[in-house]
C-alpha atoms as a PDB file:
ATOM      1  CA  MET A   1     127.809  96.859 -64.728  1.00  0.00           C
ATOM      2  CA  LEU A   2     130.432  96.782 -62.330  1.00  0.00           C
ATOM      3  CA  GLU A   3     129.458  99.076 -59.811  1.00  0.00           C
ATOM      4  CA  ALA A   4     125.839  97.796 -59.988  1.00  0.00           C
ATOM      5  CA  SER A   5     127.165  94.053 -59.183  1.00  0.00           C
ATOM      6  CA  GLY A   6     129.117  95.665 -56.541  1.00  0.00           C
ATOM      7  CA  GLY A   7     132.195  94.736 -57.914  1.00  0.00           C
ATOM      8  CA  GLY A   8     133.567  98.083 -58.968  1.00  0.00           C
ATOM      9  CA  ILE A   9     134.477 101.749 -57.744  1.00  0.00           C
ATOM     10  CA  GLY A  10     133.601 104.854 -59.298  1.00  0.00           C
ATOM     11  CA  VAL A  11     135.770 107.672 -59.306  1.00  0.00           C
ATOM     12  CA  LYS A  12     135.487 111.411 -60.560  1.00  0.00           C
ATOM     13  CA  ASP A  13     139.479 112.115 -61.378  1.00  0.00           C
ATOM     14  CA  GLU A  14     142.899 110.580 -60.748  1.00  0.00           C
ATOM     15  CA  MET A  15     143.017 112.268 -57.530  1.00  0.00           C
ATOM     16  CA  GLU A  16     139.941 110.076 -56.299  1.00  0.00           C
ATOM     17  CA  LEU A  17     141.565 106.993 -58.204  1.00  0.00           C
ATOM     18  CA  ALA A  18     144.410 107.321 -56.309  1.00  0.00           C
ATOM     19  CA  ASP A  19     142.528 107.537 -52.891  1.00  0.00           C
ATOM     20  CA  ARG A  20     140.752 104.447 -53.722  1.00  0.00           C
ATOM     21  CA  ALA A  21     143.567 102.516 -54.651  1.00  0.00           C
ATOM     22  CA  LEU A  22     145.424 103.160 -51.468  1.00  0.00           C
ATOM     23  CA  HIS A  23     142.346 102.473 -49.557  1.00  0.00           C
ATOM     24  CA  LEU A  24     142.150  99.017 -50.998  1.00  0.00           C
ATOM     25  CA  LEU A  25     145.857  98.202 -50.480  1.00  0.00           C
ATOM     26  CA  LYS A  26     145.431  99.116 -46.970  1.00  0.00           C
ATOM     27  CA  HIS A  27     142.086  96.944 -46.758  1.00  0.00           C
ATOM     28  CA  PRO A  28     143.009  93.738 -48.643  1.00  0.00           C
ATOM     29  CA  ALA A  29     139.910  92.011 -47.495  1.00  0.00           C
ATOM     30  CA  LYS A  30     137.958  94.422 -49.349  1.00  0.00           C
ATOM     31  CA  ALA A  31     139.977  94.477 -52.300  1.00  0.00           C
ATOM     32  CA  ARG A  32     139.262  90.604 -52.571  1.00  0.00           C
ATOM     33  CA  ARG A  33     135.517  91.185 -52.222  1.00  0.00           C
ATOM     34  CA  LEU A  34     135.678  93.761 -54.661  1.00  0.00           C
ATOM     35  CA  GLY A  35     137.618  91.300 -56.953  1.00  0.00           C
ATOM     36  CA  ARG A  36     135.275  88.246 -56.402  1.00  0.00           C
ATOM     37  CA  LEU A  37     132.028  90.749 -57.422  1.00  0.00           C
ATOM     38  CA  ALA A  38     133.562  91.933 -60.296  1.00  0.00           C
ATOM     39  CA  LYS A  39     135.028  88.375 -61.281  1.00  0.00           C
ATOM     40  CA  LYS A  40     131.198  87.060 -60.967  1.00  0.00           C
ATOM     41  CA  ALA A  41     129.660  90.199 -62.625  1.00  0.00           C
ATOM     42  CA  LEU A  42     132.322  89.485 -66.187  1.00  0.00           C
ATOM     43  CA  LEU A  43     131.801  85.731 -66.306  1.00  0.00           C
ATOM     44  CA  SER A  44     127.961  86.107 -66.128  1.00  0.00           C
ATOM     45  CA  HIS A  45     128.294  88.374 -69.368  1.00  0.00           C
ATOM     46  CA  GLN A  46     131.061  86.198 -71.083  1.00  0.00           C
ATOM     47  CA  GLY A  47     130.387  85.649 -74.702  1.00  0.00           C
ATOM     48  CA  ALA A  48     128.221  88.832 -75.079  1.00  0.00           C
ATOM     49  CA  ALA A  49     130.876  90.515 -77.571  1.00  0.00           C
ATOM     50  CA  ARG A  50     130.821  87.476 -79.508  1.00  0.00           C
ATOM     51  CA  ARG A  51     126.717  87.546 -79.793  1.00  0.00           C
ATOM     52  CA  HIS A  52     126.842  90.837 -80.643  1.00  0.00           C
ATOM     53  CA  ALA A  53     129.493  90.774 -83.389  1.00  0.00           C
ATOM     54  CA  ARG A  54     127.581  87.694 -84.939  1.00  0.00           C
ATOM     55  CA  VAL A  55     124.506  89.968 -85.154  1.00  0.00           C
ATOM     56  CA  VAL A  56     126.681  92.912 -86.656  1.00  0.00           C
ATOM     57  CA  SER A  57     128.287  90.348 -89.176  1.00  0.00           C
ATOM     58  CA  ASP A  58     124.837  89.162 -90.267  1.00  0.00           C
ATOM     59  CA  VAL A  59     123.795  92.859 -90.868  1.00  0.00           C
ATOM     60  CA  LEU A  60     126.957  93.390 -92.985  1.00  0.00           C
ATOM     61  CA  LEU A  61     126.414  90.160 -95.095  1.00  0.00           C
ATOM     62  CA  ASN A  62     122.643  91.314 -95.365  1.00  0.00           C
ATOM     63  CA  ARG A  63     121.612  87.911 -93.577  1.00  0.00           C
ATOM     64  CA  THR A  64     119.098  90.320 -91.922  1.00  0.00           C
ATOM     65  CA  ALA A  65     117.201  92.636 -94.114  1.00  0.00           C
ATOM     66  CA  THR A  66     116.347  96.247 -93.336  1.00  0.00           C
ATOM     67  CA  GLY A  67     113.370  96.509 -91.475  1.00  0.00           C
ATOM     68  CA  GLN A  68     113.757  93.234 -89.823  1.00  0.00           C
ATOM     69  CA  THR A  69     114.589  92.834 -86.090  1.00  0.00           C
ATOM     70  CA  ALA A  70     117.882  90.821 -84.916  1.00  0.00           C
ATOM     71  CA  ARG A  71     117.731  89.672 -81.602  1.00  0.00           C
ATOM     72  CA  VAL A  72     120.643  88.597 -79.137  1.00  0.00           C
ATOM     73  CA  GLN A  73     119.530  86.284 -76.356  1.00  0.00           C
ATOM     74  CA  HIS A  74     121.598  85.790 -73.093  1.00  0.00           C
ATOM     75  CA  LYS A  75     119.911  83.744 -70.220  1.00  0.00           C
ATOM     76  CA  ASP A  76     116.983  85.619 -69.336  1.00  0.00           C
ATOM     77  CA  GLU A  77     118.264  89.017 -71.500  1.00  0.00           C
ATOM     78  CA  GLN A  78     117.144  89.854 -74.808  1.00  0.00           C
ATOM     79  CA  ILE A  79     118.654  92.362 -76.621  1.00  0.00           C
ATOM     80  CA  ASN A  80     116.777  93.508 -80.067  1.00  0.00           C
ATOM     81  CA  TYR A  81     118.164  95.518 -82.597  1.00  0.00           C
ATOM     82  CA  ASN A  82     116.151  96.908 -85.030  1.00  0.00           C
ATOM     83  CA  ILE A  83     117.804  97.408 -88.804  1.00  0.00           C
ATOM     84  CA  LEU A  84     117.344 100.292 -90.658  1.00  0.00           C
END
């Protein structure tokens, strides 16, 4: 999610992590830009854990029967869980 938003950097190992961290320390404007993009991405998904926890709770409390589909809606994204 963060990499896709432009607010994250993927690394393969601890050496690459150290190199990327040093690069950002030397380029604070880039670090700030990454931070702003990461914050925007995270805020756009705010509440996702609560919505998914509600589905899990409903399943555990048998509010969603076997064979039904539980749905979580967030903005323009809908996630369907098929209850087995």
